[in-house]
Amino acid sequence: MTALVSILIPCHNAAPWLAETLECALGQTWPHKEIIVVDDGSRDESLAIARRFEARGVTVITQPNRGASAARNAAWAASRGDWLQFLDADDLLSPDKIARQMEMAAKVGAETALAGRWSRFTSSPADADFTPQPLCMDAAPVDWLIVKFEQNAMMHPAAWLISRELAKRAGPWDETLSLDDDGEFFTRVVLAARAVHCCQAATSYYRSGLPGSLSGAKSERAWQSAYRSLELSADRLRAVEDSARTRHACATVFQRYIYEAYPRGAECRRRARARVENLGGSALAPEGGGWFQLWRKFLGWRVAKRLEILRTRTS
């Protein structure tokens, strides 16, 4: 019997994009699938749009607004699939994305975390340029995470396909996190896996540049969530391998957080500095454009960061 794949879609105020996302889920060439949408207290037309797809077999669940992680957990709890495809309500999959990864799954087994080729886009998938992603590679779990930490690389949720067995081993999404909840969850998935395999033929599209998106949130709460996600991920990596290379990778993660969060998240930045020191330090330099680097050279990175923020606000 062919394995059932559950496509799990958390939705909060995604009315402009939800129908396209549901069409791409329904259009998957893998025939044995179920699609579950959890509307997380949307205040726009998202729920009404989702309801229109019920006649085509989409399951719609509603809950008060509790966050994306809670919505994903609710969809997962309601699912029956042997494999799980997490899909945000504004992202897209190529028609054969799941089928291609299931072909690979037949070769590498359910204990492998299956990633895929992906690209950012704004209004249309035609915008995607598929710049090579450093994490689209086959690797042992620790090796894969070291690349992630050192290069600040990402694999967005829809690029993955994971077995229910592997997801259960990793545990549910952490509902206390908002920003970078996916980074923390998939760190656990990768560490629970035998290996990571990237299927270059399995394509997904990550919509970027949306106003008010969670990934673009810069509130104090968001920075606290981002720090907590890094802290949990770093501790789990070092619990598996505590070595010079993992300590350096973790120090780099915390040093990057200090640069990116400044001037927000003062307490978390203080904790991050202590982590960097305890881990042996990091030589990571702050990143930025030409003006930032010029100001940094003469005024230091903190003043340069404040000037860059001011320039952005007034441009």
Protein backbone atom coordinates (compact mmCIF):
# COMPACT_ATOMS: atom_id res chain seq x y z
CA MET A 1 0.00 0.00 0.00
CA THR A 2 1.32 3.45 -0.93
CA ALA A 3 2.20 5.69 2.00
CA LEU A 4 -0.17 8.50 2.94
CA VAL A 5 1.35 11.99 3.08
CA SER A 6 -0.26 14.62 5.31
CA ILE A 7 0.09 18.21 4.09
CA LEU A 8 -0.23 20.40 7.19
CA ILE A 9 -1.02 24.08 6.72
CA PRO A 10 -1.12 26.61 9.59
CA CYS A 11 -3.01 29.73 8.58
CA HIS A 12 -3.30 33.17 10.15
CA ASN A 13 -4.54 36.11 8.07
CA ALA A 14 -3.30 34.61 4.80
CA ALA A 15 -6.32 35.40 2.62
CA PRO A 16 -4.36 36.84 -0.34
CA TRP A 17 -2.29 33.66 -0.76
CA LEU A 18 -4.19 30.74 0.79
CA ALA A 19 -6.14 29.66 -2.29
CA GLU A 20 -2.95 29.40 -4.36
CA THR A 21 -1.27 27.38 -1.62
CA LEU A 22 -4.23 25.01 -1.35
CA GLU A 23 -4.33 24.57 -5.13
CA CYS A 24 -0.65 23.60 -5.13
CA ALA A 25 -1.32 21.10 -2.32
CA LEU A 26 -4.26 19.58 -4.18
CA GLY A 27 -2.19 19.52 -7.36
CA GLN A 28 0.54 17.31 -5.92
CA THR A 29 1.10 14.35 -8.21
CA TRP A 30 1.56 12.04 -5.23
CA PRO A 31 -1.93 10.51 -5.15
CA HIS A 32 -2.16 9.40 -1.52
CA LYS A 33 -2.42 12.62 0.44
CA GLU A 34 -4.57 14.44 2.94
CA ILE A 35 -4.63 18.21 3.38
CA ILE A 36 -5.33 19.78 6.75
CA VAL A 37 -5.65 23.53 7.31
CA VAL A 38 -5.70 24.94 10.84
CA ASP A 39 -7.03 28.47 10.89
CA ASP A 40 -5.33 30.13 13.85
CA GLY A 41 -7.86 32.83 14.70
CA SER A 42 -7.65 34.71 11.39
CA ARG A 43 -9.39 38.08 11.24
CA ASP A 44 -9.51 38.25 7.44
CA GLU A 45 -11.24 35.98 4.91
CA SER A 46 -8.85 33.05 5.39
CA LEU A 47 -11.38 30.75 7.05
CA ALA A 48 -14.03 31.40 4.40
CA ILE A 49 -11.48 30.68 1.66
CA ALA A 50 -10.39 27.45 3.36
CA ARG A 51 -14.04 26.35 3.75
CA ARG A 52 -14.52 26.60 -0.02
CA PHE A 53 -11.95 23.81 -0.41
CA GLU A 54 -13.71 21.37 1.93
CA ALA A 55 -15.77 20.00 -0.96
CA ARG A 56 -12.50 18.98 -2.60
CA GLY A 57 -11.38 16.98 0.42
CA VAL A 58 -9.49 19.59 2.45
CA THR A 59 -9.99 19.28 6.22
CA VAL A 60 -10.43 22.63 7.99
CA ILE A 61 -9.87 23.06 11.73
CA THR A 62 -10.32 26.31 13.64
CA GLN A 63 -8.78 27.47 16.89
CA PRO A 64 -8.25 30.78 18.74
CA ASN A 65 -5.03 32.55 17.84
CA ARG A 66 -2.25 30.58 19.57
CA GLY A 67 0.60 30.93 17.08
CA ALA A 68 2.00 29.01 14.14
CA SER A 69 3.60 26.26 16.23
CA ALA A 70 0.32 25.51 18.00
CA ALA A 71 -1.47 25.41 14.63
CA ARG A 72 1.10 22.99 13.23
CA ASN A 73 0.77 20.77 16.29
CA ALA A 74 -3.02 20.77 15.92
CA ALA A 75 -2.77 19.79 12.25
CA TRP A 76 -0.25 17.07 13.09
CA ALA A 77 -2.48 15.68 15.85
CA ALA A 78 -5.41 15.48 13.42
CA SER A 79 -3.39 13.84 10.65
CA ARG A 80 -3.11 10.17 9.70
CA GLY A 81 -0.20 10.24 7.28
CA ASP A 82 2.95 8.15 7.37
CA TRP A 83 4.83 11.24 6.15
CA LEU A 84 4.41 14.93 7.06
CA GLN A 85 4.70 17.93 4.76
CA PHE A 86 4.55 21.23 6.67
CA LEU A 87 3.44 24.03 4.35
CA ASP A 88 2.94 27.64 5.40
CA ALA A 89 -0.20 29.25 4.00
CA ASP A 90 1.72 31.60 1.70
CA ASP A 91 4.35 29.17 0.36
CA LEU A 92 4.17 26.87 -2.66
CA LEU A 93 5.33 23.45 -3.85
CA SER A 94 6.11 22.31 -7.37
CA PRO A 95 3.53 19.70 -8.48
CA ASP A 96 5.92 16.75 -8.13
CA LYS A 97 7.71 17.94 -4.96
CA ILE A 98 6.29 15.28 -2.65
CA ALA A 99 6.45 12.54 -5.29
CA ARG A 100 10.14 13.18 -5.87
CA GLN A 101 10.95 13.04 -2.18
CA MET A 102 8.90 9.89 -1.72
CA GLU A 103 10.95 8.28 -4.49
CA MET A 104 14.05 9.14 -2.48
CA ALA A 105 12.43 7.92 0.74
CA ALA A 106 12.02 4.47 -0.82
CA LYS A 107 15.81 4.35 -1.19
CA VAL A 108 17.04 5.97 2.04
CA GLY A 109 14.32 5.03 4.55
CA ALA A 110 12.05 6.72 7.06
CA GLU A 111 14.88 7.54 9.48
CA THR A 112 16.32 10.06 7.01
CA ALA A 113 15.27 13.73 7.01
CA LEU A 114 14.45 14.67 3.43
CA ALA A 115 15.20 18.24 2.36
CA GLY A 116 14.72 19.81 -1.06
CA ARG A 117 15.73 22.57 -3.44
CA TRP A 118 14.05 25.89 -2.70
CA SER A 119 14.09 29.56 -3.54
CA ARG A 120 12.61 32.80 -2.31
CA PHE A 121 10.02 34.65 -4.39
CA THR A 122 7.87 37.74 -3.94
CA SER A 123 4.74 37.80 -6.09
CA SER A 124 5.18 34.84 -8.46
CA PRO A 125 7.23 31.62 -8.52
CA ALA A 126 8.64 32.97 -11.77
CA ASP A 127 10.60 35.42 -9.60
CA ALA A 128 12.55 32.56 -8.00
CA ASP A 129 16.16 32.37 -9.13
CA PHE A 130 17.19 29.22 -7.21
CA THR A 131 20.48 30.54 -5.96
CA PRO A 132 22.34 27.45 -4.66
CA GLN A 133 21.53 26.87 -1.00
CA PRO A 134 24.38 25.63 1.22
CA LEU A 135 22.10 23.30 3.17
CA CYS A 136 20.77 21.46 0.15
CA MET A 137 23.27 18.65 0.61
CA ASP A 138 23.58 15.11 1.89
CA ALA A 139 25.25 15.05 5.28
CA ALA A 140 25.42 13.49 8.72
CA PRO A 141 23.22 15.39 11.22
CA VAL A 142 26.04 17.13 13.12
CA ASP A 143 27.87 18.09 9.92
CA TRP A 144 24.65 19.54 8.46
CA LEU A 145 23.98 21.63 11.58
CA ILE A 146 27.52 22.97 11.71
CA VAL A 147 27.10 24.33 8.18
CA LYS A 148 23.76 25.83 9.22
CA PHE A 149 25.23 27.54 12.26
CA GLU A 150 28.48 28.72 10.69
CA GLN A 151 26.93 30.09 7.49
CA ASN A 152 23.62 31.35 8.91
CA ALA A 153 21.91 29.16 6.34
CA MET A 154 18.30 28.03 6.41
CA MET A 155 15.98 25.36 5.05
CA HIS A 156 12.43 26.67 5.12
CA PRO A 157 9.69 24.36 6.50
CA ALA A 158 8.08 23.45 3.17
CA ALA A 159 11.38 22.16 1.78
CA TRP A 160 11.27 19.22 4.20
CA LEU A 161 9.41 15.92 4.06
CA ILE A 162 9.72 13.85 7.22
CA SER A 163 8.26 10.57 8.36
CA ARG A 164 5.80 10.50 11.23
CA GLU A 165 8.21 8.15 13.00
CA LEU A 166 11.01 10.72 12.79
CA ALA A 167 8.73 13.60 13.80
CA LYS A 168 7.55 11.70 16.87
CA ARG A 169 11.15 11.03 17.83
CA ALA A 170 11.91 14.76 17.58
CA GLY A 171 8.82 15.84 19.52
CA PRO A 172 6.17 18.52 18.88
CA TRP A 173 6.72 22.12 17.84
CA ASP A 174 7.62 24.35 20.77
CA GLU A 175 4.56 26.55 21.26
CA THR A 176 6.45 29.03 23.45
CA LEU A 177 8.46 30.16 20.41
CA SER A 178 7.41 32.56 17.69
CA LEU A 179 10.42 33.76 15.67
CA ASP A 180 12.64 30.85 14.52
CA ASP A 181 10.30 28.17 15.84
CA ASP A 182 11.05 26.21 12.66
CA GLY A 183 14.81 26.47 13.22
CA GLU A 184 14.46 24.90 16.65
CA PHE A 185 12.03 22.19 15.51
CA PHE A 186 14.07 21.06 12.53
CA THR A 187 17.26 21.05 14.60
CA ARG A 188 15.58 18.37 16.69
CA VAL A 189 14.40 16.54 13.57
CA VAL A 190 17.89 16.53 12.07
CA LEU A 191 19.49 15.31 15.31
CA ALA A 192 16.88 12.55 15.55
CA ALA A 193 17.59 11.43 11.98
CA ARG A 194 20.16 8.97 10.70
CA ALA A 195 21.15 11.45 7.98
CA VAL A 196 19.92 14.38 5.89
CA HIS A 197 19.38 13.86 2.17
CA CYS A 198 18.54 16.69 -0.20
CA CYS A 199 16.43 15.88 -3.23
CA GLN A 200 17.43 18.40 -5.89
CA ALA A 201 14.38 17.53 -7.98
CA ALA A 202 11.94 18.40 -5.16
CA THR A 203 11.22 22.12 -5.45
CA SER A 204 9.50 24.52 -3.06
CA TYR A 205 8.99 28.27 -3.00
CA TYR A 206 9.37 30.51 0.04
CA ARG A 207 7.39 33.74 -0.18
CA SER A 208 9.41 36.68 1.18
CA GLY A 209 8.98 40.39 1.73
CA LEU A 210 5.45 40.30 3.13
CA PRO A 211 4.49 43.18 5.44
CA GLY A 212 3.87 41.97 8.98
CA SER A 213 5.33 38.51 8.40
CA LEU A 214 6.52 36.61 11.46
CA SER A 215 9.99 36.13 10.01
CA GLY A 216 10.28 39.89 9.68
CA ALA A 217 9.08 40.62 13.21
CA LYS A 218 11.53 42.71 15.24
CA SER A 219 9.70 43.17 18.55
CA GLU A 220 11.36 42.44 21.89
CA ARG A 221 9.27 39.27 22.14
CA ALA A 222 10.49 38.17 18.70
CA TRP A 223 14.14 38.71 19.64
CA GLN A 224 13.59 36.79 22.89
CA SER A 225 12.10 33.91 20.90
CA ALA A 226 14.99 33.96 18.46
CA TYR A 227 17.50 33.81 21.30
CA ARG A 228 15.67 30.99 23.05
CA SER A 229 15.54 29.04 19.78
CA LEU A 230 19.30 29.42 19.31
CA GLU A 231 19.95 28.48 22.93
CA LEU A 232 17.89 25.29 22.67
CA SER A 233 19.39 24.36 19.30
CA ALA A 234 22.99 24.96 20.41
CA ASP A 235 22.53 22.95 23.60
CA ARG A 236 21.05 20.03 21.68
CA LEU A 237 23.87 20.03 19.16
CA ARG A 238 26.51 20.00 21.89
CA ALA A 239 24.64 17.26 23.75
CA VAL A 240 25.25 15.05 20.71
CA GLU A 241 28.82 16.22 20.06
CA ASP A 242 30.72 18.57 22.36
CA SER A 243 33.86 19.30 20.35
CA ALA A 244 35.95 22.23 19.18
CA ARG A 245 33.99 22.43 15.94
CA THR A 246 30.55 22.38 17.56
CA ARG A 247 31.60 24.92 20.20
CA HIS A 248 32.90 27.23 17.47
CA ALA A 249 29.69 26.87 15.48
CA CYS A 250 27.60 27.66 18.55
CA ALA A 251 29.78 30.65 19.48
CA THR A 252 29.29 31.97 15.95
CA VAL A 253 25.52 31.61 16.26
CA PHE A 254 25.45 33.66 19.45
CA GLN A 255 27.87 36.29 18.11
CA ARG A 256 25.69 36.75 15.04
CA TYR A 257 22.65 37.17 17.27
CA ILE A 258 24.44 39.98 19.17
CA TYR A 259 25.05 41.86 15.93
CA GLU A 260 21.59 41.29 14.47
CA ALA A 261 19.57 42.03 17.60
CA TYR A 262 21.37 45.24 18.60
CA PRO A 263 20.05 47.56 20.03
CA ARG A 264 17.07 45.34 20.91
CA GLY A 265 17.11 42.35 23.26
CA ALA A 266 19.59 43.76 25.78
CA GLU A 267 19.21 40.92 28.29
CA CYS A 268 19.40 38.23 25.60
CA ARG A 269 22.47 39.92 24.11
CA ARG A 270 24.09 39.87 27.54
CA ARG A 271 23.43 36.15 27.83
CA ALA A 272 24.69 35.62 24.29
CA ARG A 273 27.98 37.40 25.10
CA ALA A 274 28.48 35.11 28.08
CA ARG A 275 27.84 32.12 25.84
CA VAL A 276 30.36 33.31 23.26
CA GLU A 277 33.03 33.70 25.95
CA ASN A 278 32.30 30.32 27.53
CA LEU A 279 32.46 28.63 24.13
CA GLY A 280 35.88 30.06 23.30
CA GLY A 281 34.95 33.11 21.26
CA SER A 282 34.12 33.84 17.66
CA ALA A 283 35.94 35.94 15.05
CA LEU A 284 32.71 36.63 13.16
CA ALA A 285 32.58 40.21 11.87
CA PRO A 286 29.28 42.11 11.59
CA GLU A 287 27.74 42.08 8.13
CA GLY A 288 26.31 45.08 6.32
CA GLY A 289 26.39 47.17 3.19
CA GLY A 290 28.90 49.75 2.07
CA TRP A 291 27.71 52.58 4.30
CA PHE A 292 27.58 50.29 7.32
CA GLN A 293 31.11 49.04 6.77
CA LEU A 294 32.42 52.58 6.29
CA TRP A 295 30.78 53.81 9.49
CA ARG A 296 31.92 50.70 11.33
CA LYS A 297 35.54 51.32 10.34
CA PHE A 298 35.61 54.76 11.95
CA LEU A 299 32.84 54.66 14.57
CA GLY A 300 32.50 51.02 15.62
CA TRP A 301 29.78 48.54 14.73
CA ARG A 302 27.26 49.70 17.37
CA VAL A 303 27.16 53.29 16.13
CA ALA A 304 27.18 52.00 12.55
CA LYS A 305 24.19 49.80 13.29
CA ARG A 306 22.21 52.70 14.77
CA LEU A 307 23.07 54.89 11.79
CA GLU A 308 22.03 52.12 9.40
CA ILE A 309 18.68 51.77 11.18
CA LEU A 310 18.15 55.54 10.99
CA ARG A 311 19.09 55.60 7.30
CA THR A 312 16.65 52.78 6.54
CA ARG A 313 13.80 54.50 8.37
CA THR A 314 14.31 57.80 6.55
CA SER A 315 14.93 56.41 3.05
